[in-house]
């Protein structure tokens, strides 16, 4: 009987501890990137080339979901409770695709699905998307690179690599994400300006 009483007391204490800890559980906050959508596509005249955009690549640490910060050029940190709701690679791929579709430089722009029914393929890489906490103040840095190649010949017909930095006025994660949105928008605009164009060219 005494043994059962001791076991019950131990179980009750453990349960009380779990309940107490339950009140302190911290849930992550999720954020999404957002930039202004491009204007409606202009009517394409005399444009016959088609383009597919592969999913952009990125360093492994940018694919782990957590928002990244750097306290030095060599040290990478992660916000455990501040995470991306959508993989940044997916966002950049879709944003670039929409901007190219709106440019009017191609008869068709779509996400790459492995088929060979297009003339050109774009590949890209999200090199940086991070908060920078050294060299004074808080900043964000975005770097994107991309290239376009002829699907038949494999020849590279366009390439670009851009880097943009933004200053964060308030030291909190929502302010950092807001500046990442602005900086990302500028980076994509810069990457595609004047942008790849093969109008009037023979894609084959």
N, C-alpha and C. Protein backbone atom coordinates (compact mmCIF):
# COMPACT_ATOMS: atom_id res chain seq x y z
N UNK A 1 0.83 -1.20 0.00
CA UNK A 1 0.00 0.00 0.00
C UNK A 1 0.87 1.26 0.00
N UNK A 2 1.91 1.23 0.82
CA UNK A 2 2.81 2.37 0.91
C UNK A 2 3.51 2.61 -0.42
N UNK A 3 3.89 1.47 -1.08
CA UNK A 3 4.57 1.59 -2.37
C UNK A 3 3.64 2.23 -3.40
N UNK A 4 2.37 1.82 -3.42
CA UNK A 4 1.42 2.40 -4.37
C UNK A 4 1.22 3.89 -4.10
N UNK A 5 1.23 4.27 -2.84
CA UNK A 5 1.05 5.68 -2.48
C UNK A 5 2.22 6.52 -2.97
N UNK A 6 3.43 5.97 -2.81
CA UNK A 6 4.63 6.69 -3.27
C UNK A 6 4.59 6.85 -4.79
N UNK A 7 4.21 5.76 -5.50
CA UNK A 7 4.12 5.81 -6.96
C UNK A 7 3.11 6.85 -7.41
N UNK A 8 1.96 6.89 -6.71
CA UNK A 8 0.93 7.86 -7.05
C UNK A 8 1.41 9.29 -6.86
N UNK A 9 2.14 9.52 -5.76
CA UNK A 9 2.66 10.87 -5.47
C UNK A 9 3.67 11.30 -6.52
N UNK A 10 4.52 10.36 -6.93
CA UNK A 10 5.52 10.67 -7.96
C UNK A 10 4.83 11.02 -9.27
N UNK A 11 3.81 10.22 -9.64
CA UNK A 11 3.08 10.48 -10.88
C UNK A 11 2.36 11.82 -10.82
N UNK A 12 1.78 12.13 -9.66
CA UNK A 12 1.06 13.39 -9.50
C UNK A 12 2.01 14.58 -9.62
N UNK A 13 3.21 14.45 -9.04
CA UNK A 13 4.21 15.51 -9.13
C UNK A 13 4.66 15.73 -10.57
N UNK A 14 4.86 14.62 -11.29
CA UNK A 14 5.27 14.73 -12.69
C UNK A 14 4.20 15.39 -13.53
N UNK A 15 2.92 15.03 -13.25
CA UNK A 15 1.82 15.62 -13.99
C UNK A 15 1.73 17.12 -13.73
N UNK A 16 1.91 17.50 -12.48
CA UNK A 16 1.87 18.92 -12.12
C UNK A 16 2.98 19.68 -12.82
N UNK A 17 4.14 19.05 -12.94
CA UNK A 17 5.27 19.70 -13.62
C UNK A 17 4.97 19.91 -15.09
N UNK A 18 4.34 18.88 -15.70
CA UNK A 18 4.01 19.00 -17.12
C UNK A 18 2.98 20.09 -17.36
N UNK A 19 1.99 20.17 -16.45
CA UNK A 19 0.98 21.20 -16.58
C UNK A 19 1.60 22.58 -16.42
N UNK A 20 2.52 22.70 -15.46
CA UNK A 20 3.20 23.98 -15.23
C UNK A 20 4.03 24.39 -16.43
N UNK A 21 4.71 23.41 -17.03
CA UNK A 21 5.52 23.71 -18.20
C UNK A 21 4.66 24.05 -19.41
N UNK A 22 3.48 23.41 -19.45
CA UNK A 22 2.58 23.64 -20.58
C UNK A 22 2.22 25.10 -20.71
N UNK A 23 2.11 25.79 -19.62
CA UNK A 23 1.76 27.21 -19.69
C UNK A 23 2.87 28.05 -20.25
N UNK A 24 4.09 27.50 -20.33
CA UNK A 24 5.24 28.27 -20.79
C UNK A 24 5.66 27.87 -22.20
N UNK A 25 4.85 27.02 -22.87
CA UNK A 25 5.20 26.60 -24.21
C UNK A 25 5.18 27.80 -25.15
N UNK A 26 6.23 27.92 -25.94
CA UNK A 26 6.34 29.03 -26.88
C UNK A 26 6.20 28.50 -28.29
N UNK A 27 5.25 29.06 -29.02
CA UNK A 27 5.00 28.61 -30.38
C UNK A 27 5.68 29.55 -31.37
N UNK A 28 6.16 29.00 -32.49
CA UNK A 28 6.87 29.84 -33.46
C UNK A 28 5.94 30.80 -34.18
N UNK A 29 6.50 31.92 -34.58
CA UNK A 29 5.81 32.88 -35.44
C UNK A 29 6.23 32.60 -36.88
N UNK A 30 5.27 32.67 -37.79
CA UNK A 30 5.56 32.39 -39.20
C UNK A 30 5.39 33.65 -40.03
N UNK A 31 6.29 33.81 -41.00
CA UNK A 31 6.31 34.99 -41.84
C UNK A 31 6.35 34.57 -43.31
N UNK A 32 5.90 35.47 -44.15
CA UNK A 32 5.96 35.21 -45.59
C UNK A 32 6.58 36.42 -46.30
N UNK A 33 7.26 36.14 -47.37
CA UNK A 33 7.80 37.21 -48.21
C UNK A 33 6.68 37.74 -49.10
N UNK A 34 6.72 39.01 -49.37
CA UNK A 34 5.69 39.62 -50.23
C UNK A 34 6.30 40.82 -50.95
N UNK A 35 6.12 40.85 -52.24
CA UNK A 35 6.53 42.01 -53.03
C UNK A 35 5.38 42.40 -53.95
N UNK A 36 5.42 43.62 -54.45
CA UNK A 36 4.36 44.10 -55.31
C UNK A 36 4.32 43.27 -56.59
N UNK A 37 3.14 42.79 -56.98
CA UNK A 37 3.06 41.99 -58.22
C UNK A 37 3.32 42.85 -59.43
N UNK A 38 3.83 42.25 -60.50
CA UNK A 38 4.07 43.03 -61.73
C UNK A 38 2.76 43.43 -62.38
N UNK A 39 2.82 44.42 -63.26
CA UNK A 39 1.62 44.85 -63.97
C UNK A 39 1.18 43.77 -64.95
N UNK A 40 -0.04 43.89 -65.44
CA UNK A 40 -0.57 42.90 -66.38
C UNK A 40 0.33 42.79 -67.60
N UNK A 41 0.53 41.59 -68.11
CA UNK A 41 1.41 41.42 -69.27
C UNK A 41 0.93 42.20 -70.47
N UNK A 42 1.84 42.85 -71.17
CA UNK A 42 1.46 43.52 -72.42
C UNK A 42 1.22 42.49 -73.52
N UNK A 43 0.51 42.88 -74.53
CA UNK A 43 0.27 41.96 -75.64
C UNK A 43 1.58 41.67 -76.35
N UNK A 44 1.87 40.40 -76.51
CA UNK A 44 3.12 39.99 -77.17
C UNK A 44 2.91 39.98 -78.68
N UNK A 45 3.74 40.74 -79.40
CA UNK A 45 3.65 40.79 -80.85
C UNK A 45 5.00 40.40 -81.45
N UNK A 46 4.98 39.43 -82.30
CA UNK A 46 6.20 38.99 -82.95
C UNK A 46 7.15 38.26 -82.02
N UNK A 47 6.65 37.81 -80.87
CA UNK A 47 7.47 37.06 -79.91
C UNK A 47 7.04 35.61 -79.94
N UNK A 48 7.98 34.73 -80.18
CA UNK A 48 7.66 33.31 -80.32
C UNK A 48 8.39 32.42 -79.33
N UNK A 49 9.43 32.93 -78.71
CA UNK A 49 10.24 32.09 -77.81
C UNK A 49 9.50 31.81 -76.51
N UNK A 50 9.71 30.62 -75.98
CA UNK A 50 9.11 30.21 -74.71
C UNK A 50 10.20 29.92 -73.69
N UNK A 51 9.86 30.10 -72.43
CA UNK A 51 10.85 29.99 -71.36
C UNK A 51 10.27 29.23 -70.18
N UNK A 52 11.08 28.38 -69.58
CA UNK A 52 10.70 27.68 -68.34
C UNK A 52 11.72 28.04 -67.27
N UNK A 53 11.23 28.22 -66.05
CA UNK A 53 12.09 28.62 -64.93
C UNK A 53 12.21 27.45 -63.95
N UNK A 54 13.44 26.99 -63.75
CA UNK A 54 13.67 25.95 -62.77
C UNK A 54 13.54 26.52 -61.35
N UNK A 55 13.25 25.66 -60.39
CA UNK A 55 13.22 26.12 -59.00
C UNK A 55 14.61 26.63 -58.62
N UNK A 56 14.67 27.82 -58.04
CA UNK A 56 15.95 28.39 -57.63
C UNK A 56 16.57 27.53 -56.53
N UNK A 57 17.87 27.44 -56.55
CA UNK A 57 18.60 26.73 -55.51
C UNK A 57 19.01 27.72 -54.42
N UNK A 58 19.58 27.21 -53.35
CA UNK A 58 20.07 28.06 -52.26
C UNK A 58 21.00 27.25 -51.38
N UNK A 59 21.81 27.92 -50.55
CA UNK A 59 22.60 27.19 -49.56
C UNK A 59 21.68 26.41 -48.62
N UNK A 60 22.19 25.33 -48.07
CA UNK A 60 21.38 24.47 -47.20
C UNK A 60 20.78 25.23 -46.04
N UNK A 61 21.53 26.16 -45.44
CA UNK A 61 21.04 26.83 -44.23
C UNK A 61 19.83 27.72 -44.51
N UNK A 62 19.61 28.11 -45.76
CA UNK A 62 18.44 28.91 -46.10
C UNK A 62 17.21 28.05 -46.33
N UNK A 63 17.40 26.72 -46.35
CA UNK A 63 16.28 25.81 -46.61
C UNK A 63 15.74 25.17 -45.33
N UNK A 64 16.22 25.60 -44.18
CA UNK A 64 15.84 24.96 -42.92
C UNK A 64 14.61 25.59 -42.27
N UNK A 65 14.08 26.65 -42.87
CA UNK A 65 12.84 27.23 -42.37
C UNK A 65 13.00 28.41 -41.44
N UNK A 66 14.05 28.42 -40.65
CA UNK A 66 14.25 29.51 -39.68
C UNK A 66 14.82 30.74 -40.37
N UNK A 67 14.43 31.92 -39.91
CA UNK A 67 15.00 33.16 -40.41
C UNK A 67 16.44 33.27 -39.92
N UNK A 68 17.32 33.68 -40.81
CA UNK A 68 18.76 33.63 -40.54
C UNK A 68 19.29 35.01 -40.17
N UNK A 69 20.21 35.02 -39.21
CA UNK A 69 20.94 36.25 -38.91
C UNK A 69 22.43 35.92 -38.80
N UNK A 70 23.27 36.94 -39.05
CA UNK A 70 24.71 36.77 -38.96
C UNK A 70 25.27 37.81 -38.01
N UNK A 71 25.93 37.36 -36.96
CA UNK A 71 26.55 38.27 -36.00
C UNK A 71 28.00 38.57 -36.37
N UNK A 72 28.52 37.88 -37.36
CA UNK A 72 29.85 38.14 -37.90
C UNK A 72 29.89 37.52 -39.29
N UNK A 73 30.89 37.87 -40.10
CA UNK A 73 30.95 37.28 -41.43
C UNK A 73 31.04 35.75 -41.41
N UNK A 74 31.54 35.19 -40.31
CA UNK A 74 31.75 33.75 -40.25
C UNK A 74 30.67 33.01 -39.47
N UNK A 75 29.84 33.71 -38.70
CA UNK A 75 28.90 33.04 -37.80
C UNK A 75 27.46 33.22 -38.25
N UNK A 76 26.75 32.09 -38.42
CA UNK A 76 25.36 32.09 -38.83
C UNK A 76 24.49 31.64 -37.66
N UNK A 77 23.42 32.39 -37.40
CA UNK A 77 22.48 32.04 -36.34
C UNK A 77 21.07 31.89 -36.90
N UNK A 78 20.21 31.23 -36.12
CA UNK A 78 18.84 30.98 -36.55
C UNK A 78 17.87 31.40 -35.46
N UNK A 79 16.79 32.08 -35.85
CA UNK A 79 15.72 32.40 -34.91
C UNK A 79 14.85 31.15 -34.74
N UNK A 80 14.89 30.57 -33.56
CA UNK A 80 14.15 29.33 -33.33
C UNK A 80 12.64 29.52 -33.43
N UNK A 81 12.15 30.69 -33.06
CA UNK A 81 10.70 30.91 -33.02
C UNK A 81 10.21 31.90 -34.07
N UNK A 82 11.04 32.14 -35.08
CA UNK A 82 10.65 33.01 -36.19
C UNK A 82 11.04 32.29 -37.47
N UNK A 83 10.03 31.81 -38.21
CA UNK A 83 10.27 30.92 -39.33
C UNK A 83 9.51 31.37 -40.57
N UNK A 84 9.98 30.90 -41.72
CA UNK A 84 9.29 31.18 -42.97
C UNK A 84 8.13 30.22 -43.15
N UNK A 85 6.98 30.76 -43.55
CA UNK A 85 5.81 29.92 -43.83
C UNK A 85 5.96 29.23 -45.17
N UNK A 86 6.72 29.84 -46.09
CA UNK A 86 6.96 29.28 -47.43
C UNK A 86 8.46 29.27 -47.68
N UNK A 87 8.94 28.21 -48.28
CA UNK A 87 10.35 28.10 -48.63
C UNK A 87 10.74 29.32 -49.48
N UNK A 88 11.74 30.10 -49.06
CA UNK A 88 12.14 31.28 -49.85
C UNK A 88 12.50 30.95 -51.29
N UNK A 89 13.00 29.75 -51.55
CA UNK A 89 13.32 29.37 -52.93
C UNK A 89 12.05 29.34 -53.79
N UNK A 90 10.98 28.80 -53.22
CA UNK A 90 9.71 28.75 -53.94
C UNK A 90 9.19 30.15 -54.22
N UNK A 91 9.32 31.02 -53.22
CA UNK A 91 8.85 32.39 -53.41
C UNK A 91 9.62 33.09 -54.52
N UNK A 92 10.94 33.01 -54.49
CA UNK A 92 11.76 33.69 -55.50
C UNK A 92 11.47 33.12 -56.89
N UNK A 93 11.36 31.80 -56.99
CA UNK A 93 11.06 31.18 -58.28
C UNK A 93 9.75 31.70 -58.85
N UNK A 94 8.71 31.74 -58.03
CA UNK A 94 7.41 32.21 -58.51
C UNK A 94 7.43 33.70 -58.85
N UNK A 95 8.13 34.50 -58.02
CA UNK A 95 8.19 35.94 -58.27
C UNK A 95 8.93 36.24 -59.57
N UNK A 96 10.04 35.57 -59.80
CA UNK A 96 10.80 35.77 -61.04
C UNK A 96 9.96 35.34 -62.24
N UNK A 97 9.27 34.21 -62.11
CA UNK A 97 8.42 33.73 -63.20
C UNK A 97 7.34 34.75 -63.55
N UNK A 98 6.69 35.31 -62.53
CA UNK A 98 5.64 36.30 -62.77
C UNK A 98 6.18 37.56 -63.43
N UNK A 99 7.36 38.00 -63.00
CA UNK A 99 7.95 39.20 -63.61
C UNK A 99 8.34 38.95 -65.06
N UNK A 100 8.87 37.77 -65.36
CA UNK A 100 9.22 37.46 -66.74
C UNK A 100 7.98 37.33 -67.60
N UNK A 101 6.92 36.78 -67.04
CA UNK A 101 5.67 36.64 -67.78
C UNK A 101 5.09 38.02 -68.11
N UNK A 102 5.25 38.95 -67.18
CA UNK A 102 4.73 40.30 -67.37
C UNK A 102 5.61 41.16 -68.27
N UNK A 103 6.82 40.70 -68.57
CA UNK A 103 7.74 41.52 -69.36
C UNK A 103 7.34 41.61 -70.82
N UNK A 104 6.61 40.62 -71.30
CA UNK A 104 6.24 40.60 -72.72
C UNK A 104 7.35 40.15 -73.64
N UNK A 105 8.47 39.69 -73.06
CA UNK A 105 9.61 39.28 -73.87
C UNK A 105 9.51 37.83 -74.36
N UNK A 106 8.51 37.10 -73.86
CA UNK A 106 8.36 35.70 -74.23
C UNK A 106 6.89 35.40 -74.52
N UNK A 107 6.67 34.48 -75.44
CA UNK A 107 5.31 34.08 -75.76
C UNK A 107 4.71 33.28 -74.62
N UNK A 108 5.55 32.56 -73.90
CA UNK A 108 5.09 31.76 -72.76
C UNK A 108 6.20 31.68 -71.72
N UNK A 109 5.84 31.82 -70.47
CA UNK A 109 6.77 31.63 -69.35
C UNK A 109 6.07 30.73 -68.33
N UNK A 110 6.73 29.66 -67.95
CA UNK A 110 6.13 28.73 -67.00
C UNK A 110 7.20 28.14 -66.11
N UNK A 111 6.77 27.44 -65.06
CA UNK A 111 7.70 26.73 -64.20
C UNK A 111 8.19 25.48 -64.93
N UNK A 112 9.46 25.18 -64.77
CA UNK A 112 10.06 24.04 -65.46
C UNK A 112 9.51 22.73 -64.90
N UNK A 113 9.01 21.87 -65.79
CA UNK A 113 8.46 20.58 -65.37
C UNK A 113 9.21 19.40 -65.96
N UNK A 114 10.40 19.66 -66.51
CA UNK A 114 11.21 18.59 -67.06
C UNK A 114 10.96 18.30 -68.53
N UNK A 115 9.94 18.93 -69.10
CA UNK A 115 9.64 18.70 -70.50
C UNK A 115 10.52 19.57 -71.40
N UNK A 116 10.60 19.16 -72.66
CA UNK A 116 11.45 19.88 -73.62
C UNK A 116 10.61 20.68 -74.61
N UNK A 117 9.44 21.16 -74.17
CA UNK A 117 8.55 21.89 -75.07
C UNK A 117 8.75 23.40 -74.99
N UNK A 118 9.93 23.84 -74.52
CA UNK A 118 10.24 25.27 -74.46
C UNK A 118 11.57 25.50 -75.17
N UNK A 119 11.84 26.76 -75.48
CA UNK A 119 13.09 27.11 -76.17
C UNK A 119 14.24 27.40 -75.22
N UNK A 120 13.89 28.01 -74.07
CA UNK A 120 14.92 28.44 -73.13
C UNK A 120 14.57 28.00 -71.71
N UNK A 121 15.59 27.82 -70.91
CA UNK A 121 15.42 27.45 -69.51
C UNK A 121 16.25 28.40 -68.66
N UNK A 122 15.63 28.92 -67.60
CA UNK A 122 16.35 29.77 -66.65
C UNK A 122 16.62 28.98 -65.37
N UNK A 123 17.85 29.09 -64.89
CA UNK A 123 18.24 28.51 -63.61
C UNK A 123 18.75 29.64 -62.72
N UNK A 124 18.51 29.53 -61.43
CA UNK A 124 18.94 30.61 -60.54
C UNK A 124 19.29 30.10 -59.16
N UNK A 125 19.81 31.02 -58.37
CA UNK A 125 20.23 30.66 -57.02
C UNK A 125 20.00 31.85 -56.08
N UNK A 126 19.31 31.59 -54.99
CA UNK A 126 19.17 32.57 -53.92
C UNK A 126 20.39 32.41 -53.04
N UNK A 127 21.35 33.33 -53.20
CA UNK A 127 22.63 33.20 -52.50
C UNK A 127 22.54 33.65 -51.04
N UNK A 128 21.79 34.74 -50.80
CA UNK A 128 21.70 35.29 -49.44
C UNK A 128 20.30 35.83 -49.17
N UNK A 129 19.83 35.60 -47.96
CA UNK A 129 18.60 36.21 -47.46
C UNK A 129 18.74 36.19 -45.94
N UNK A 130 19.35 37.24 -45.40
CA UNK A 130 19.73 37.18 -43.99
C UNK A 130 19.80 38.56 -43.35
N UNK A 131 19.64 38.54 -42.04
CA UNK A 131 19.84 39.74 -41.22
C UNK A 131 21.32 39.84 -40.91
N UNK A 132 21.85 41.04 -40.98
CA UNK A 132 23.28 41.27 -40.73
C UNK A 132 23.41 42.19 -39.52
N UNK A 133 24.06 41.68 -38.47
CA UNK A 133 24.12 42.41 -37.20
C UNK A 133 25.52 42.92 -36.84
N UNK A 134 26.40 43.02 -37.80
CA UNK A 134 27.73 43.54 -37.52
C UNK A 134 28.00 44.74 -38.42
N UNK A 135 29.10 45.42 -38.17
CA UNK A 135 29.48 46.64 -38.90
C UNK A 135 28.50 47.78 -38.64
N UNK A 136 27.89 47.79 -37.47
CA UNK A 136 27.03 48.90 -37.06
C UNK A 136 25.60 48.77 -37.54
N UNK A 137 24.64 48.82 -36.61
CA UNK A 137 23.23 48.76 -36.96
C UNK A 137 22.77 47.38 -37.39
N UNK A 138 21.51 47.31 -37.81
CA UNK A 138 20.93 46.06 -38.30
C UNK A 138 20.57 46.25 -39.77
N UNK A 139 21.01 45.33 -40.60
CA UNK A 139 20.75 45.40 -42.03
C UNK A 139 20.23 44.04 -42.51
N UNK A 140 19.75 44.02 -43.72
CA UNK A 140 19.42 42.76 -44.37
C UNK A 140 20.14 42.73 -45.71
N UNK A 141 20.49 41.53 -46.14
CA UNK A 141 21.21 41.37 -47.39
C UNK A 141 20.53 40.30 -48.22
N UNK A 142 20.31 40.62 -49.48
CA UNK A 142 19.73 39.68 -50.44
C UNK A 142 20.65 39.61 -51.65
N UNK A 143 20.95 38.39 -52.06
CA UNK A 143 21.76 38.22 -53.27
C UNK A 143 21.13 37.11 -54.11
N UNK A 144 20.95 37.39 -55.40
CA UNK A 144 20.34 36.44 -56.33
C UNK A 144 21.17 36.39 -57.60
N UNK A 145 21.34 35.20 -58.14
CA UNK A 145 22.00 35.04 -59.43
C UNK A 145 21.12 34.17 -60.33
N UNK A 146 21.24 34.37 -61.64
CA UNK A 146 20.45 33.58 -62.57
C UNK A 146 21.12 33.56 -63.94
N UNK A 147 20.77 32.54 -64.72
CA UNK A 147 21.25 32.46 -66.10
C UNK A 147 20.19 31.78 -66.95
N UNK A 148 20.21 32.09 -68.22
CA UNK A 148 19.26 31.50 -69.16
C UNK A 148 20.04 30.82 -70.27
N UNK A 149 19.60 29.63 -70.63
CA UNK A 149 20.30 28.88 -71.67
C UNK A 149 19.33 28.37 -72.72
N UNK A 150 19.86 28.16 -73.91
CA UNK A 150 19.10 27.58 -75.00
C UNK A 150 18.96 26.09 -74.72
N UNK A 151 17.73 25.60 -74.70
CA UNK A 151 17.51 24.20 -74.30
C UNK A 151 18.09 23.23 -75.33
N UNK A 152 18.13 23.63 -76.60
CA UNK A 152 18.63 22.74 -77.64
C UNK A 152 20.15 22.70 -77.67
N UNK A 153 20.76 23.86 -77.67
CA UNK A 153 22.23 23.92 -77.82
C UNK A 153 22.95 23.91 -76.48
N UNK A 154 22.26 24.28 -75.41
CA UNK A 154 22.90 24.35 -74.11
C UNK A 154 23.70 25.63 -73.90
N UNK A 155 23.72 26.51 -74.90
CA UNK A 155 24.50 27.74 -74.80
C UNK A 155 23.84 28.72 -73.85
N UNK A 156 24.65 29.37 -73.02
CA UNK A 156 24.15 30.41 -72.12
C UNK A 156 23.95 31.70 -72.91
N UNK A 157 22.73 32.25 -72.85
CA UNK A 157 22.43 33.45 -73.63
C UNK A 157 22.23 34.68 -72.74
N UNK A 158 22.17 34.49 -71.44
CA UNK A 158 22.00 35.62 -70.52
C UNK A 158 22.39 35.18 -69.12
N UNK A 159 23.00 36.10 -68.36
CA UNK A 159 23.36 35.81 -66.98
C UNK A 159 23.40 37.11 -66.19
N UNK A 160 23.11 37.03 -64.89
CA UNK A 160 23.16 38.21 -64.04
C UNK A 160 23.32 37.78 -62.59
N UNK A 161 23.91 38.67 -61.80
CA UNK A 161 24.15 38.40 -60.38
C UNK A 161 24.02 39.73 -59.65
N UNK A 162 23.07 39.83 -58.72
CA UNK A 162 22.83 41.11 -58.05
C UNK A 162 22.83 40.92 -56.52
N UNK A 163 23.19 41.99 -55.84
CA UNK A 163 23.18 42.01 -54.38
C UNK A 163 22.57 43.32 -53.92
N UNK A 164 21.65 43.25 -52.96
CA UNK A 164 20.99 44.43 -52.43
C UNK A 164 21.05 44.39 -50.90
N UNK A 165 21.24 45.57 -50.30
CA UNK A 165 21.29 45.69 -48.84
C UNK A 165 20.26 46.71 -48.39
N UNK A 166 19.57 46.41 -47.30
CA UNK A 166 18.59 47.33 -46.73
C UNK A 166 18.86 47.57 -45.26
N UNK A 167 18.52 48.75 -44.76
CA UNK A 167 18.74 49.10 -43.36
C UNK A 167 17.45 48.95 -42.57
N UNK A 168 17.55 48.30 -41.41
CA UNK A 168 16.40 48.06 -40.54
C UNK A 168 16.34 49.16 -39.48
N UNK A 169 15.23 49.85 -39.40
CA UNK A 169 15.12 50.97 -38.47
C UNK A 169 14.75 50.56 -37.06
N UNK A 170 14.19 49.36 -36.90
CA UNK A 170 13.73 48.92 -35.58
C UNK A 170 14.25 47.53 -35.32
N UNK A 171 14.73 47.30 -34.09
CA UNK A 171 15.36 46.01 -33.78
C UNK A 171 14.32 44.98 -33.34
N UNK A 172 13.56 44.45 -34.30
CA UNK A 172 12.69 43.31 -34.03
C UNK A 172 12.50 42.55 -35.32
N UNK A 173 12.07 41.30 -35.20
CA UNK A 173 12.00 40.42 -36.36
C UNK A 173 10.97 40.91 -37.39
N UNK A 174 9.75 41.34 -37.00
CA UNK A 174 8.82 41.85 -38.01
C UNK A 174 9.42 42.98 -38.86
N UNK A 175 10.19 43.87 -38.23
CA UNK A 175 10.83 44.96 -38.98
C UNK A 175 11.89 44.40 -39.93
N UNK A 176 12.60 43.36 -39.50
CA UNK A 176 13.60 42.72 -40.35
C UNK A 176 12.93 42.09 -41.56
N UNK A 177 11.82 41.38 -41.34
CA UNK A 177 11.11 40.73 -42.44
C UNK A 177 10.56 41.77 -43.42
N UNK A 178 10.02 42.87 -42.88
CA UNK A 178 9.50 43.94 -43.75
C UNK A 178 10.60 44.49 -44.65
N UNK A 179 11.80 44.67 -44.08
CA UNK A 179 12.91 45.18 -44.90
C UNK A 179 13.40 44.12 -45.88
N UNK A 180 13.32 42.84 -45.50
CA UNK A 180 13.67 41.77 -46.43
C UNK A 180 12.74 41.80 -47.64
N UNK A 181 11.46 42.07 -47.40
CA UNK A 181 10.51 42.17 -48.51
C UNK A 181 10.90 43.29 -49.46
N UNK A 182 11.19 44.47 -48.91
CA UNK A 182 11.56 45.61 -49.74
C UNK A 182 12.86 45.33 -50.51
N UNK A 183 13.83 44.77 -49.80
CA UNK A 183 15.13 44.50 -50.42
C UNK A 183 15.02 43.41 -51.47
N UNK A 184 14.21 42.40 -51.19
CA UNK A 184 13.98 41.32 -52.17
C UNK A 184 13.34 41.88 -53.43
N UNK A 185 12.35 42.77 -53.27
CA UNK A 185 11.71 43.37 -54.43
C UNK A 185 12.70 44.12 -55.31
N UNK A 186 13.58 44.89 -54.66
CA UNK A 186 14.59 45.64 -55.43
C UNK A 186 15.56 44.68 -56.12
N UNK A 187 15.93 43.60 -55.44
CA UNK A 187 16.88 42.65 -56.01
C UNK A 187 16.31 41.96 -57.25
N UNK A 188 15.05 41.54 -57.17
CA UNK A 188 14.43 40.88 -58.32
C UNK A 188 14.29 41.86 -59.48
N UNK A 189 13.88 43.09 -59.17
CA UNK A 189 13.75 44.11 -60.22
C UNK A 189 15.10 44.37 -60.89
N UNK A 190 16.15 44.45 -60.09
CA UNK A 190 17.49 44.70 -60.62
C UNK A 190 17.99 43.50 -61.42
N UNK A 191 17.68 42.30 -60.94
CA UNK A 191 18.11 41.08 -61.63
C UNK A 191 17.53 41.03 -63.05
N UNK A 192 16.29 41.45 -63.20
CA UNK A 192 15.58 41.30 -64.47
C UNK A 192 15.51 42.60 -65.28
N UNK A 193 16.31 43.59 -64.92
CA UNK A 193 16.33 44.85 -65.65
C UNK A 193 17.72 45.06 -66.27
N UNK A 194 17.82 45.17 -67.61
CA UNK A 194 16.73 45.11 -68.57
C UNK A 194 16.16 43.72 -68.76
N UNK A 195 16.87 42.72 -68.29
CA UNK A 195 16.32 41.38 -68.28
C UNK A 195 16.60 40.59 -69.53
N UNK A 196 16.39 39.27 -69.46
CA UNK A 196 16.62 38.42 -70.63
C UNK A 196 15.55 38.66 -71.69
N UNK A 197 15.99 38.79 -72.92
CA UNK A 197 15.07 39.00 -74.02
C UNK A 197 15.63 38.35 -75.26
N UNK A 198 14.80 37.59 -75.93
CA UNK A 198 15.22 36.94 -77.17
C UNK A 198 14.22 37.25 -78.27
N UNK A 199 13.52 38.37 -78.12
CA UNK A 199 12.52 38.75 -79.12
C UNK A 199 13.18 38.89 -80.48
N UNK A 200 12.59 38.25 -81.45
CA UNK A 200 13.10 38.35 -82.82
C UNK A 200 14.25 37.40 -83.10
N UNK A 201 14.74 36.74 -82.08
CA UNK A 201 15.86 35.81 -82.30
C UNK A 201 15.33 34.44 -82.69
N UNK A 202 16.16 33.67 -83.35
CA UNK A 202 15.80 32.30 -83.68
C UNK A 202 16.18 31.41 -82.51
N UNK A 203 15.19 30.85 -81.77
CA UNK A 203 15.51 30.06 -80.59
C UNK A 203 16.27 28.78 -80.90
N UNK A 204 16.26 28.35 -82.13
CA UNK A 204 16.98 27.13 -82.48
C UNK A 204 18.26 27.43 -83.26
